[in-house]
Amino acid sequence: MSLIVTPRHPALGAEVRGLDLRRPMDAATRQAVIDAWTRHLVLVFPEQPISDEEHVAFTRQLGEPEIFQQTSLGLRSDRVKEIFLVSNVDKHDRLMTPAEPSQKQLSSARQWHTDSSYLPTPSVGSLLHGIEISRTGGLTQFINMYLVWEELPDALRRQVEGKRARHDFGMMSRLVGSPAPSGAERAALPPVWHPLVRRHPVSGRTSLYISSIYNDAVEGMEEGAARRLIEELSEFAAQPQYMYRHAWEPHDVLMWDNRCTVHAVTSHDPTERRVMHRTTIVGREPVVAA
């Protein structure tokens, strides 16, 4: 297959055409996709009406799909266990209200984060399929954390160099008021510490590594000061020159690198259906400090 890769933003993000996600990739095509991903960090595959099974099969060509550990809120597909449901419509096709537990938890995605950072070996990347998209908002925004690190002011740089931040899955529920993880979920997902500055295992580049919905502590800092630092870092990162904002079209598939980006979704009218299915690629190596 001959890929056509067109950048969408100077900082990150590119559109990829010439690939049918329903078909297996040969070795050369797979390498071309990985090379484009390494260069652009976020890839947009337009017009890909894939099934959940095809979504998982494509993911497997890039790595092992993660199976979401939390089962209590109905965010994992009953039919295809590798699919995480980013949806305000339940399995009975009922539109859910923002007050329902699953929707409270999904609302945390409006804050900057990277998927599965709370795992000892965080995920490589994620693939999100827009099945029913929002027209009243619901943009997915991505930040190039390489550039953020390169241009981070000295005062902030001194506060993060050589330090680690804690990533706690339970932090999310405390932020948005969703049900706390069960005892079994807490046992399976204990808090972990990762460097605030990391080296990418493929590109070799250095990036800032934060995930504001999970970061509840920073080495050597009191709780309040640590939280303010994460907020200040997130605020600096969220500048237009570092950010690609994706306006969805039906059956877009987005693939992003969780090792050098953060993302957040904008709000939308809660009476509008929004159905998106995500896979996440299991991490292959621990976070390495830069």
Protein backbone atom coordinates (compact mmCIF):
# COMPACT_ATOMS: atom_id res chain seq x y z
CA MET A 1 0.00 0.00 0.00
CA SER A 2 1.16 3.54 -0.76
CA LEU A 3 0.50 5.87 2.16
CA ILE A 4 -0.23 9.57 1.75
CA VAL A 5 0.75 11.39 4.95
CA THR A 6 -0.35 15.03 5.26
CA PRO A 7 0.53 17.07 8.38
CA ARG A 8 -2.42 18.68 10.16
CA HIS A 9 -0.48 20.98 12.54
CA PRO A 10 3.15 22.10 12.75
CA ALA A 11 3.56 20.61 16.24
CA LEU A 12 1.91 17.22 15.78
CA GLY A 13 -0.84 15.37 13.97
CA ALA A 14 -1.02 14.04 10.41
CA GLU A 15 -3.71 12.58 8.19
CA VAL A 16 -2.99 9.17 6.64
CA ARG A 17 -4.72 7.95 3.49
CA GLY A 18 -4.11 4.91 1.33
CA LEU A 19 -4.61 2.40 4.13
CA ASP A 20 -7.63 0.18 4.82
CA LEU A 21 -7.64 -0.65 8.53
CA ARG A 22 -9.79 -3.72 7.84
CA ARG A 23 -6.91 -5.43 6.00
CA PRO A 24 -3.63 -6.80 7.38
CA MET A 25 -0.55 -4.66 6.77
CA ASP A 26 2.53 -6.08 5.11
CA ALA A 27 5.88 -5.45 6.80
CA ALA A 28 6.74 -2.38 4.71
CA THR A 29 3.35 -0.75 5.31
CA ARG A 30 3.50 -1.45 9.03
CA GLN A 31 6.92 0.17 9.22
CA ALA A 32 5.69 3.18 7.23
CA VAL A 33 2.81 3.62 9.71
CA ILE A 34 5.20 3.37 12.67
CA ASP A 35 7.60 5.85 11.06
CA ALA A 36 4.76 8.34 10.45
CA TRP A 37 3.55 7.83 14.02
CA THR A 38 7.03 8.43 15.45
CA ARG A 39 7.33 11.62 13.42
CA HIS A 40 3.84 13.07 13.90
CA LEU A 41 2.79 11.54 17.28
CA VAL A 42 -0.91 11.55 16.31
CA LEU A 43 -2.25 9.92 13.14
CA VAL A 44 -5.74 10.49 11.70
CA PHE A 45 -7.17 7.73 9.50
CA PRO A 46 -10.33 9.18 7.87
CA GLU A 47 -13.27 7.16 6.57
CA GLN A 48 -12.57 3.87 8.34
CA PRO A 49 -15.95 2.16 9.11
CA ILE A 50 -14.38 -0.68 11.04
CA SER A 51 -16.10 -3.16 13.35
CA ASP A 52 -14.87 -3.64 16.91
CA GLU A 53 -13.25 -6.92 15.85
CA GLU A 54 -11.41 -5.17 13.00
CA HIS A 55 -10.39 -2.39 15.39
CA VAL A 56 -8.80 -4.93 17.72
CA ALA A 57 -7.18 -6.83 14.84
CA PHE A 58 -5.53 -3.65 13.54
CA THR A 59 -4.33 -2.81 17.04
CA ARG A 60 -2.73 -6.27 17.33
CA GLN A 61 -0.54 -5.47 14.34
CA LEU A 62 1.06 -2.74 16.49
CA GLY A 63 1.08 -4.44 19.89
CA GLU A 64 -1.01 -6.30 22.47
CA PRO A 65 -4.36 -4.64 23.23
CA GLU A 66 -4.92 -3.74 26.87
CA ILE A 67 -7.94 -5.09 28.74
CA PHE A 68 -9.28 -2.36 31.04
CA GLN A 69 -9.11 -3.55 34.64
CA GLN A 70 -12.09 -1.63 36.01
CA THR A 71 -15.36 -3.49 35.43
CA SER A 72 -17.75 -1.80 37.86
CA LEU A 73 -18.90 1.13 35.67
CA GLY A 74 -19.65 -0.63 32.39
CA LEU A 75 -16.86 1.09 30.48
CA ARG A 76 -15.51 -2.16 29.05
CA SER A 77 -17.38 -3.81 26.19
CA ASP A 78 -19.19 -7.01 27.14
CA ARG A 79 -18.85 -8.28 23.58
CA VAL A 80 -15.23 -7.41 22.70
CA LYS A 81 -13.24 -7.20 25.93
CA GLU A 82 -10.40 -5.15 24.42
CA ILE A 83 -12.77 -2.25 23.63
CA PHE A 84 -13.05 0.64 26.09
CA LEU A 85 -16.36 2.50 25.68
CA VAL A 86 -16.06 6.27 25.43
CA SER A 87 -19.79 6.73 25.11
CA ASN A 88 -22.82 8.41 26.62
CA VAL A 89 -25.06 5.65 25.26
CA ASP A 90 -25.40 2.41 27.21
CA LYS A 91 -25.66 -1.14 25.88
CA HIS A 92 -29.46 -0.78 25.72
CA ASP A 93 -29.03 2.28 23.44
CA ARG A 94 -30.18 4.62 26.23
CA LEU A 95 -28.70 8.12 26.38
CA MET A 96 -27.09 8.50 29.80
CA THR A 97 -27.11 11.66 31.89
CA PRO A 98 -23.95 13.46 33.08
CA ALA A 99 -24.81 12.51 36.68
CA GLU A 100 -24.45 8.77 36.07
CA PRO A 101 -21.25 7.18 37.43
CA SER A 102 -19.73 6.19 34.10
CA GLN A 103 -20.31 9.67 32.69
CA LYS A 104 -18.74 11.32 35.73
CA GLN A 105 -15.65 9.19 35.22
CA LEU A 106 -15.50 9.94 31.49
CA SER A 107 -15.78 13.66 32.30
CA SER A 108 -12.24 13.45 33.71
CA ALA A 109 -11.05 13.26 30.09
CA ARG A 110 -11.62 17.02 29.86
CA GLN A 111 -8.40 17.39 31.82
CA TRP A 112 -4.97 16.72 30.32
CA HIS A 113 -3.83 13.14 30.72
CA THR A 114 -2.16 10.17 29.10
CA ASP A 115 -3.86 6.77 29.05
CA SER A 116 -2.89 4.09 31.57
CA SER A 117 -0.11 6.14 33.15
CA TYR A 118 -1.14 4.53 36.46
CA LEU A 119 0.33 1.18 35.36
CA PRO A 120 3.91 0.12 36.22
CA THR A 121 4.51 -0.15 32.47
CA PRO A 122 2.24 2.49 30.90
CA SER A 123 0.67 2.05 27.51
CA VAL A 124 2.41 2.66 24.21
CA GLY A 125 -0.53 4.33 22.52
CA SER A 126 -4.26 4.36 21.90
CA LEU A 127 -6.61 4.08 18.92
CA LEU A 128 -10.02 5.78 19.08
CA HIS A 129 -12.81 5.15 16.56
CA GLY A 130 -15.46 7.86 16.19
CA ILE A 131 -18.71 5.98 15.56
CA GLU A 132 -21.23 8.69 16.50
CA ILE A 133 -19.54 12.05 16.76
CA SER A 134 -20.50 15.32 18.41
CA ARG A 135 -21.19 18.50 16.44
CA THR A 136 -21.56 20.72 19.54
CA GLY A 137 -18.03 20.19 20.83
CA GLY A 138 -16.25 16.99 21.76
CA LEU A 139 -12.99 17.91 20.03
CA THR A 140 -10.01 15.82 21.08
CA GLN A 141 -6.93 17.94 21.74
CA PHE A 142 -3.34 16.70 21.76
CA ILE A 143 -0.12 18.31 23.01
CA ASN A 144 3.43 17.59 21.86
CA MET A 145 5.25 17.10 25.17
CA TYR A 146 8.67 17.04 23.47
CA LEU A 147 8.21 20.69 22.53
CA VAL A 148 6.79 21.53 25.96
CA TRP A 149 9.93 20.15 27.60
CA GLU A 150 12.24 21.94 25.16
CA GLU A 151 10.57 25.29 25.86
CA LEU A 152 9.71 24.85 29.54
CA PRO A 153 10.74 27.92 31.57
CA ASP A 154 13.80 27.44 33.76
CA ALA A 155 11.80 27.93 36.97
CA LEU A 156 9.52 25.02 36.11
CA ARG A 157 12.33 22.93 34.70
CA ARG A 158 14.23 23.11 37.99
CA GLN A 159 11.16 21.81 39.86
CA VAL A 160 10.80 18.67 37.76
CA GLU A 161 14.34 17.65 36.83
CA GLY A 162 15.34 14.42 38.54
CA LYS A 163 11.96 14.02 40.26
CA ARG A 164 9.13 11.53 40.00
CA ALA A 165 5.37 11.99 40.17
CA ARG A 166 2.92 9.47 41.54
CA HIS A 167 0.14 8.17 39.28
CA ASP A 168 -2.88 6.86 41.17
CA PHE A 169 -5.92 5.45 39.37
CA GLY A 170 -8.06 6.46 42.35
CA MET A 171 -7.15 10.13 41.90
CA MET A 172 -9.57 10.39 38.99
CA SER A 173 -12.59 9.50 41.12
CA ARG A 174 -11.55 12.05 43.74
CA LEU A 175 -11.34 14.76 41.08
CA VAL A 176 -14.72 14.23 39.44
CA GLY A 177 -16.79 12.58 42.17
CA SER A 178 -17.22 9.22 40.46
CA PRO A 179 -17.36 6.04 42.55
CA ALA A 180 -14.02 5.09 44.07
CA PRO A 181 -12.36 1.93 42.74
CA SER A 182 -13.42 -1.26 44.48
CA GLY A 183 -11.08 -3.06 46.84
CA ALA A 184 -10.17 -5.55 44.13
CA GLU A 185 -9.54 -2.75 41.63
CA ARG A 186 -7.33 -0.88 44.11
CA ALA A 187 -5.38 -4.07 44.78
CA ALA A 188 -4.88 -4.60 41.04
CA LEU A 189 -3.97 -0.94 40.41
CA PRO A 190 -1.75 0.34 43.23
CA PRO A 191 -0.19 3.81 42.82
CA VAL A 192 3.08 3.94 40.87
CA TRP A 193 5.90 6.48 40.56
CA HIS A 194 7.24 7.61 37.18
CA PRO A 195 9.88 10.18 36.20
CA LEU A 196 8.57 13.63 35.35
CA VAL A 197 11.03 13.76 32.46
CA ARG A 198 11.27 10.69 30.26
CA ARG A 199 13.15 9.41 27.22
CA HIS A 200 11.15 7.94 24.35
CA PRO A 201 12.24 4.35 23.62
CA VAL A 202 11.92 4.75 19.83
CA SER A 203 12.74 8.37 19.00
CA GLY A 204 15.22 8.83 21.85
CA ARG A 205 13.76 12.30 22.46
CA THR A 206 13.02 13.80 25.88
CA SER A 207 9.54 14.87 26.98
CA LEU A 208 7.70 16.10 30.05
CA TYR A 209 5.62 13.26 31.50
CA ILE A 210 2.53 14.30 33.45
CA SER A 211 -1.03 13.00 33.62
CA SER A 212 -3.08 15.46 35.63
CA ILE A 213 -6.07 13.21 36.34
CA TYR A 214 -3.79 10.64 37.97
CA ASN A 215 -0.93 12.69 39.47
CA ASP A 216 -1.54 13.08 43.20
CA ALA A 217 2.03 13.53 44.49
CA VAL A 218 5.50 14.74 43.50
CA GLU A 219 8.68 13.66 45.25
CA GLY A 220 9.83 16.10 47.93
CA MET A 221 6.72 18.28 47.78
CA GLU A 222 3.69 18.71 50.01
CA GLU A 223 0.37 17.63 48.51
CA GLY A 224 -0.93 21.12 47.76
CA ALA A 225 2.33 22.28 46.22
CA ALA A 226 2.55 19.13 44.12
CA ARG A 227 -0.95 19.66 42.76
CA ARG A 228 -0.21 23.30 41.94
CA LEU A 229 2.94 22.24 40.08
CA ILE A 230 1.02 19.75 37.93
CA GLU A 231 -1.60 22.42 37.20
CA GLU A 232 1.08 24.97 36.28
CA LEU A 233 2.81 22.48 33.99
CA SER A 234 -0.51 21.62 32.34
CA GLU A 235 -1.33 25.30 31.86
CA PHE A 236 2.02 25.97 30.22
CA ALA A 237 1.62 22.93 27.95
CA ALA A 238 -1.87 23.94 26.77
CA GLN A 239 -0.68 26.60 24.35
CA PRO A 240 -1.80 26.63 20.70
CA GLN A 241 1.72 26.23 19.30
CA TYR A 242 2.01 22.83 20.97
CA MET A 243 -1.55 21.62 20.29
CA TYR A 244 -3.50 19.82 17.58
CA ARG A 245 -7.30 20.03 18.02
CA HIS A 246 -9.18 17.30 16.17
CA ALA A 247 -12.71 17.99 14.93
CA TRP A 248 -14.21 14.57 14.37
CA GLU A 249 -15.89 13.23 11.26
CA PRO A 250 -17.80 9.91 11.29
CA HIS A 251 -15.48 6.91 11.28
CA ASP A 252 -12.28 8.78 11.85
CA VAL A 253 -9.78 6.58 13.67
CA LEU A 254 -7.11 8.40 15.67
CA MET A 255 -3.91 6.79 16.90
CA TRP A 256 -1.70 8.62 19.38
CA ASP A 257 1.51 8.00 21.28
CA ASN A 258 0.94 8.05 25.05
CA ARG A 259 4.71 8.24 25.66
CA CYS A 260 5.12 11.81 24.37
CA THR A 261 1.65 13.41 24.24
CA VAL A 262 -1.20 14.31 26.54
CA HIS A 263 -4.79 14.75 25.42
CA ALA A 264 -8.13 16.12 26.59
CA VAL A 265 -11.63 16.38 25.14
CA THR A 266 -13.71 19.54 25.00
CA SER A 267 -17.23 19.56 26.44
CA HIS A 268 -20.31 19.03 24.28
CA ASP A 269 -24.09 19.09 24.62
CA PRO A 270 -24.88 16.10 26.90
CA THR A 271 -28.16 15.51 25.07
CA GLU A 272 -26.19 14.73 21.90
CA ARG A 273 -25.11 11.12 21.40
CA ARG A 274 -21.36 10.53 21.34
CA VAL A 275 -20.17 6.95 20.78
CA MET A 276 -16.48 6.19 20.50
CA HIS A 277 -14.59 2.94 20.98
CA ARG A 278 -10.95 2.81 22.06
CA THR A 279 -8.19 0.26 22.18
CA THR A 280 -4.97 0.80 24.09
CA ILE A 281 -1.62 -0.83 23.30
CA VAL A 282 0.01 -2.53 26.29
CA GLY A 283 3.32 -1.01 27.38
CA ARG A 284 6.50 -2.81 26.41
CA GLU A 285 9.07 -1.09 28.60
CA PRO A 286 9.16 0.90 31.86
CA VAL A 287 9.38 4.68 31.83
CA VAL A 288 13.06 5.64 31.60
CA ALA A 289 14.19 8.93 33.11
CA ALA A 290 15.95 11.32 30.76
